[in-house]
Amino acid sequence: MSKYPNPVRGYVPCPVCTSISTVHQTGEGRLMALGEPPKNARNIGIKYFRCPECGNSAISKSIDEYIEKHYSTEKPSVTPLEGEVLEPLALTDDNALAPVTSVEPDIIDEPNDDKVSSAEVTEPITEEKPPAEKPFFTLKRVITALGVLIVLLWAMRKLMPQPQEEETSNAATE
């Protein structure tokens, strides 16, 4: 629910449950409360309805058109939507139903030209071939292995103790 409820603009029958719903217009509550329009200006002015049983409708152009078509400012003048009452068909001798008997399908000797009901296969059957096996030593694997080997050799060389030069020149002068 928004911080600033939008005022009731009118009434419309709910297309889902046929109860009377209230009509609201987006952005009016914030405009009346703070004097500034809402941050999302895309939906300003679009009408939506709030059904007591179904909840809020979606905010869209099609709902806005539905509201404009069935809109009323007074609650008693809105009539709930009802489906048309259909009259049952009267059976006469011309349209009387015949009893259903078991019917065997006709066997057609010649193939039909109709592509949908034809029994012929229209696509050639392709055999699935297993994917070709790739060689184990690919260029990418060889370069990766050489790179790893060079990095390992460099790390081992850095970790090996370096021979210390003795300070013989200072010791000899004393």
C-alpha atoms as a PDB file:
ATOM      1  CA  MET A   1       0.000   0.000   0.000  1.00  0.00           C
ATOM      2  CA  SER A   2       1.315   3.417  -0.824  1.00  0.00           C
ATOM      3  CA  LYS A   3       2.003   6.067   1.802  1.00  0.00           C
ATOM      4  CA  TYR A   4      -0.538   8.404   0.248  1.00  0.00           C
ATOM      5  CA  PRO A   5      -3.762   6.626  -0.827  1.00  0.00           C
ATOM      6  CA  ASN A   6      -5.320   7.871  -4.043  1.00  0.00           C
ATOM      7  CA  PRO A   7      -8.858   9.288  -3.687  1.00  0.00           C
ATOM      8  CA  VAL A   8     -11.872   7.481  -5.125  1.00  0.00           C
ATOM      9  CA  ARG A   9     -12.774   8.804  -8.601  1.00  0.00           C
ATOM     10  CA  GLY A  10     -15.779   6.604  -9.315  1.00  0.00           C
ATOM     11  CA  TYR A  11     -17.039   3.050  -9.547  1.00  0.00           C
ATOM     12  CA  VAL A  12     -16.771   0.236 -12.084  1.00  0.00           C
ATOM     13  CA  PRO A  13     -17.852  -3.431 -12.110  1.00  0.00           C
ATOM     14  CA  CYS A  14     -14.962  -5.875 -11.589  1.00  0.00           C
ATOM     15  CA  PRO A  15     -14.511  -7.974 -14.748  1.00  0.00           C
ATOM     16  CA  VAL A  16     -13.404 -11.008 -12.707  1.00  0.00           C
ATOM     17  CA  CYS A  17     -15.926 -11.331  -9.883  1.00  0.00           C
ATOM     18  CA  THR A  18     -18.557  -8.758 -11.052  1.00  0.00           C
ATOM     19  CA  SER A  19     -18.586  -6.888  -7.708  1.00  0.00           C
ATOM     20  CA  ILE A  20     -18.547  -3.091  -7.523  1.00  0.00           C
ATOM     21  CA  SER A  21     -14.958  -1.723  -7.465  1.00  0.00           C
ATOM     22  CA  THR A  22     -13.637   1.745  -6.708  1.00  0.00           C
ATOM     23  CA  VAL A  23     -11.734   3.672  -9.406  1.00  0.00           C
ATOM     24  CA  HIS A  24      -8.505   5.522  -8.555  1.00  0.00           C
ATOM     25  CA  GLN A  25      -5.990   7.537 -10.574  1.00  0.00           C
ATOM     26  CA  THR A  26      -2.253   7.029 -10.071  1.00  0.00           C
ATOM     27  CA  GLY A  27      -0.221   9.862  -8.599  1.00  0.00           C
ATOM     28  CA  GLU A  28      -3.080  11.837  -7.068  1.00  0.00           C
ATOM     29  CA  GLY A  29      -2.463  10.891  -3.437  1.00  0.00           C
ATOM     30  CA  ARG A  30       1.142  12.099  -3.374  1.00  0.00           C
ATOM     31  CA  LEU A  31       0.273  15.212  -5.372  1.00  0.00           C
ATOM     32  CA  MET A  32      -2.475  16.163  -2.914  1.00  0.00           C
ATOM     33  CA  ALA A  33      -0.410  15.332   0.200  1.00  0.00           C
ATOM     34  CA  LEU A  34       2.984  16.800  -0.738  1.00  0.00           C
ATOM     35  CA  GLY A  35       2.226  19.001  -3.708  1.00  0.00           C
ATOM     36  CA  GLU A  36       4.738  17.161  -5.903  1.00  0.00           C
ATOM     37  CA  PRO A  37       4.214  14.437  -8.519  1.00  0.00           C
ATOM     38  CA  PRO A  38       5.402  10.878  -7.880  1.00  0.00           C
ATOM     39  CA  LYS A  39       8.940   9.881  -8.868  1.00  0.00           C
ATOM     40  CA  ASN A  40       7.805   7.461 -11.593  1.00  0.00           C
ATOM     41  CA  ALA A  41       6.119   9.784 -14.062  1.00  0.00           C
ATOM     42  CA  ARG A  42       5.388   7.026 -16.603  1.00  0.00           C
ATOM     43  CA  ASN A  43       2.054   5.960 -15.069  1.00  0.00           C
ATOM     44  CA  ILE A  44       0.753   9.337 -13.897  1.00  0.00           C
ATOM     45  CA  GLY A  45      -2.931   9.792 -14.668  1.00  0.00           C
ATOM     46  CA  ILE A  46      -3.682   6.161 -15.565  1.00  0.00           C
ATOM     47  CA  LYS A  47      -6.783   4.841 -13.846  1.00  0.00           C
ATOM     48  CA  TYR A  48      -6.981   1.530 -12.009  1.00  0.00           C
ATOM     49  CA  PHE A  49      -9.664  -0.134  -9.908  1.00  0.00           C
ATOM     50  CA  ARG A  50      -9.578  -1.668  -6.449  1.00  0.00           C
ATOM     51  CA  CYS A  51     -11.920  -4.636  -6.040  1.00  0.00           C
ATOM     52  CA  PRO A  52     -12.958  -5.601  -2.477  1.00  0.00           C
ATOM     53  CA  GLU A  53     -12.674  -9.300  -3.373  1.00  0.00           C
ATOM     54  CA  CYS A  54      -9.867  -9.462  -5.992  1.00  0.00           C
ATOM     55  CA  GLY A  55      -7.636  -6.572  -4.864  1.00  0.00           C
ATOM     56  CA  ASN A  56      -5.960  -3.963  -7.078  1.00  0.00           C
ATOM     57  CA  SER A  57      -5.955  -4.272 -10.847  1.00  0.00           C
ATOM     58  CA  ALA A  58      -2.853  -3.861 -12.946  1.00  0.00           C
ATOM     59  CA  ILE A  59      -1.971  -0.353 -14.039  1.00  0.00           C
ATOM     60  CA  SER A  60      -2.083  -0.477 -17.826  1.00  0.00           C
ATOM     61  CA  LYS A  61      -3.594   1.222 -20.842  1.00  0.00           C
ATOM     62  CA  SER A  62      -6.070  -1.634 -21.444  1.00  0.00           C
ATOM     63  CA  ILE A  63      -7.418  -1.391 -17.870  1.00  0.00           C
ATOM     64  CA  ASP A  64      -7.686   2.377 -18.309  1.00  0.00           C
ATOM     65  CA  GLU A  65      -9.758   1.821 -21.488  1.00  0.00           C
ATOM     66  CA  TYR A  66     -12.000  -0.694 -19.675  1.00  0.00           C
ATOM     67  CA  ILE A  67     -12.583   1.829 -16.882  1.00  0.00           C
ATOM     68  CA  GLU A  68     -13.421   4.605 -19.344  1.00  0.00           C
ATOM     69  CA  LYS A  69     -15.958   2.298 -21.010  1.00  0.00           C
ATOM     70  CA  HIS A  70     -17.732   1.148 -17.792  1.00  0.00           C
ATOM     71  CA  TYR A  71     -17.057   4.166 -15.540  1.00  0.00           C
ATOM     72  CA  SER A  72     -19.713   5.755 -13.306  1.00  0.00           C
ATOM     73  CA  THR A  73     -19.356   8.453 -10.645  1.00  0.00           C
ATOM     74  CA  GLU A  74     -22.226   7.113  -8.550  1.00  0.00           C
ATOM     75  CA  LYS A  75     -22.160   3.696  -6.913  1.00  0.00           C
ATOM     76  CA  PRO A  76     -25.855   2.729  -7.351  1.00  0.00           C
ATOM     77  CA  SER A  77     -25.822   3.429 -11.095  1.00  0.00           C
ATOM     78  CA  VAL A  78     -23.153   0.780 -11.748  1.00  0.00           C
ATOM     79  CA  THR A  79     -24.600  -2.557 -12.745  1.00  0.00           C
ATOM     80  CA  PRO A  80     -22.488  -5.656 -12.290  1.00  0.00           C
ATOM     81  CA  LEU A  81     -21.435  -7.443 -15.464  1.00  0.00           C
ATOM     82  CA  GLU A  82     -23.517 -10.474 -16.271  1.00  0.00           C
ATOM     83  CA  GLY A  83     -23.242 -13.022 -19.011  1.00  0.00           C
ATOM     84  CA  GLU A  84     -25.870 -13.226 -21.700  1.00  0.00           C
ATOM     85  CA  VAL A  85     -28.705 -15.607 -21.027  1.00  0.00           C
ATOM     86  CA  LEU A  86     -28.851 -18.078 -23.874  1.00  0.00           C
ATOM     87  CA  GLU A  87     -32.071 -19.707 -24.911  1.00  0.00           C
ATOM     88  CA  PRO A  88     -32.019 -23.470 -25.317  1.00  0.00           C
ATOM     89  CA  LEU A  89     -32.316 -24.752 -28.865  1.00  0.00           C
ATOM     90  CA  ALA A  90     -35.601 -26.353 -29.728  1.00  0.00           C
ATOM     91  CA  LEU A  91     -35.298 -29.744 -31.399  1.00  0.00           C
ATOM     92  CA  THR A  92     -37.181 -30.114 -34.614  1.00  0.00           C
ATOM     93  CA  ASP A  93     -37.196 -32.899 -37.177  1.00  0.00           C
ATOM     94  CA  ASP A  94     -34.642 -30.999 -39.256  1.00  0.00           C
ATOM     95  CA  ASN A  95     -32.016 -30.665 -36.538  1.00  0.00           C
ATOM     96  CA  ALA A  96     -32.860 -33.732 -34.429  1.00  0.00           C
ATOM     97  CA  LEU A  97     -29.923 -35.724 -33.204  1.00  0.00           C
ATOM     98  CA  ALA A  98     -29.444 -39.119 -34.746  1.00  0.00           C
ATOM     99  CA  PRO A  99     -28.451 -42.016 -32.499  1.00  0.00           C
ATOM    100  CA  VAL A 100     -24.729 -42.680 -32.521  1.00  0.00           C
ATOM    101  CA  THR A 101     -23.740 -45.995 -34.016  1.00  0.00           C
ATOM    102  CA  SER A 102     -20.290 -47.454 -34.218  1.00  0.00           C
ATOM    103  CA  VAL A 103     -18.688 -46.428 -37.459  1.00  0.00           C
ATOM    104  CA  GLU A 104     -15.656 -48.189 -38.842  1.00  0.00           C
ATOM    105  CA  PRO A 105     -13.111 -45.960 -40.543  1.00  0.00           C
ATOM    106  CA  ASP A 106     -12.836 -46.199 -44.305  1.00  0.00           C
ATOM    107  CA  ILE A 107      -9.584 -47.658 -45.578  1.00  0.00           C
ATOM    108  CA  ILE A 108      -7.973 -45.623 -48.328  1.00  0.00           C
ATOM    109  CA  ASP A 109      -5.743 -47.475 -50.751  1.00  0.00           C
ATOM    110  CA  GLU A 110      -4.113 -44.457 -52.311  1.00  0.00           C
ATOM    111  CA  PRO A 111      -2.023 -41.987 -50.282  1.00  0.00           C
ATOM    112  CA  ASN A 112      -3.598 -38.650 -49.650  1.00  0.00           C
ATOM    113  CA  ASP A 113      -2.053 -35.448 -51.015  1.00  0.00           C
ATOM    114  CA  ASP A 114      -2.884 -33.643 -47.811  1.00  0.00           C
ATOM    115  CA  LYS A 115       0.400 -33.168 -45.926  1.00  0.00           C
ATOM    116  CA  VAL A 116      -1.223 -33.131 -42.506  1.00  0.00           C
ATOM    117  CA  SER A 117      -3.150 -36.356 -42.716  1.00  0.00           C
ATOM    118  CA  SER A 118      -0.709 -38.173 -44.984  1.00  0.00           C
ATOM    119  CA  ALA A 119       0.955 -41.205 -43.445  1.00  0.00           C
ATOM    120  CA  GLU A 120       4.152 -40.661 -45.407  1.00  0.00           C
ATOM    121  CA  VAL A 121       7.197 -39.358 -43.637  1.00  0.00           C
ATOM    122  CA  THR A 122       7.968 -35.884 -44.908  1.00  0.00           C
ATOM    123  CA  GLU A 123      11.388 -35.478 -43.295  1.00  0.00           C
ATOM    124  CA  PRO A 124      14.245 -37.834 -44.055  1.00  0.00           C
ATOM    125  CA  ILE A 125      15.300 -39.871 -41.088  1.00  0.00           C
ATOM    126  CA  THR A 126      18.775 -38.890 -40.011  1.00  0.00           C
ATOM    127  CA  GLU A 127      20.918 -41.173 -37.943  1.00  0.00           C
ATOM    128  CA  GLU A 128      22.493 -39.547 -34.962  1.00  0.00           C
ATOM    129  CA  LYS A 129      26.246 -39.783 -35.171  1.00  0.00           C
ATOM    130  CA  PRO A 130      28.246 -39.523 -31.994  1.00  0.00           C
ATOM    131  CA  PRO A 131      30.325 -36.366 -31.852  1.00  0.00           C
ATOM    132  CA  ALA A 132      33.864 -36.735 -33.129  1.00  0.00           C
ATOM    133  CA  GLU A 133      36.350 -37.205 -30.317  1.00  0.00           C
ATOM    134  CA  LYS A 134      38.804 -34.375 -29.891  1.00  0.00           C
ATOM    135  CA  PRO A 135      42.492 -35.180 -29.430  1.00  0.00           C
ATOM    136  CA  PHE A 136      43.792 -34.986 -25.855  1.00  0.00           C
ATOM    137  CA  PHE A 137      46.705 -32.664 -26.685  1.00  0.00           C
ATOM    138  CA  THR A 138      45.160 -29.531 -28.066  1.00  0.00           C
ATOM    139  CA  LEU A 139      47.053 -26.280 -28.564  1.00  0.00           C
ATOM    140  CA  LYS A 140      45.234 -24.663 -25.659  1.00  0.00           C
ATOM    141  CA  ARG A 141      46.145 -27.475 -23.253  1.00  0.00           C
ATOM    142  CA  VAL A 142      49.794 -27.512 -24.343  1.00  0.00           C
ATOM    143  CA  ILE A 143      50.192 -23.739 -23.882  1.00  0.00           C
ATOM    144  CA  THR A 144      48.464 -23.915 -20.490  1.00  0.00           C
ATOM    145  CA  ALA A 145      50.735 -26.748 -19.329  1.00  0.00           C
ATOM    146  CA  LEU A 146      53.872 -24.888 -20.485  1.00  0.00           C
ATOM    147  CA  GLY A 147      52.733 -21.726 -18.682  1.00  0.00           C
ATOM    148  CA  VAL A 148      52.129 -23.626 -15.444  1.00  0.00           C
ATOM    149  CA  LEU A 149      55.529 -25.340 -15.742  1.00  0.00           C
ATOM    150  CA  ILE A 150      57.344 -22.022 -16.262  1.00  0.00           C
ATOM    151  CA  VAL A 151      55.591 -20.454 -13.255  1.00  0.00           C
ATOM    152  CA  LEU A 152      56.504 -23.457 -11.062  1.00  0.00           C
ATOM    153  CA  LEU A 153      60.173 -23.338 -12.129  1.00  0.00           C
ATOM    154  CA  TRP A 154      60.348 -19.605 -11.464  1.00  0.00           C
ATOM    155  CA  ALA A 155      58.763 -20.043  -7.993  1.00  0.00           C
ATOM    156  CA  MET A 156      61.183 -22.852  -7.099  1.00  0.00           C
ATOM    157  CA  ARG A 157      64.156 -20.727  -8.187  1.00  0.00           C
ATOM    158  CA  LYS A 158      62.981 -17.846  -5.998  1.00  0.00           C
ATOM    159  CA  LEU A 159      62.480 -20.143  -3.015  1.00  0.00           C
ATOM    160  CA  MET A 160      65.901 -21.828  -3.285  1.00  0.00           C
ATOM    161  CA  PRO A 161      68.481 -20.349  -0.898  1.00  0.00           C
ATOM    162  CA  GLN A 162      70.931 -17.985  -2.577  1.00  0.00           C
ATOM    163  CA  PRO A 163      74.657 -18.605  -1.904  1.00  0.00           C
ATOM    164  CA  GLN A 164      76.008 -15.918   0.419  1.00  0.00           C
ATOM    165  CA  GLU A 165      79.247 -14.204  -0.524  1.00  0.00           C
ATOM    166  CA  GLU A 166      81.514 -14.040   2.446  1.00  0.00           C
ATOM    167  CA  GLU A 167      83.051 -10.768   3.254  1.00  0.00           C
ATOM    168  CA  THR A 168      86.666 -11.827   2.789  1.00  0.00           C
ATOM    169  CA  SER A 169      87.800  -8.386   1.766  1.00  0.00           C
ATOM    170  CA  ASN A 170      86.905  -6.836   5.118  1.00  0.00           C
ATOM    171  CA  ALA A 171      88.323  -9.726   7.124  1.00  0.00           C
ATOM    172  CA  ALA A 172      91.676  -9.668   5.255  1.00  0.00           C
ATOM    173  CA  THR A 173      92.351  -6.009   5.908  1.00  0.00           C
ATOM    174  CA  GLU A 174      92.161  -6.285   9.611  1.00  0.00           C
END
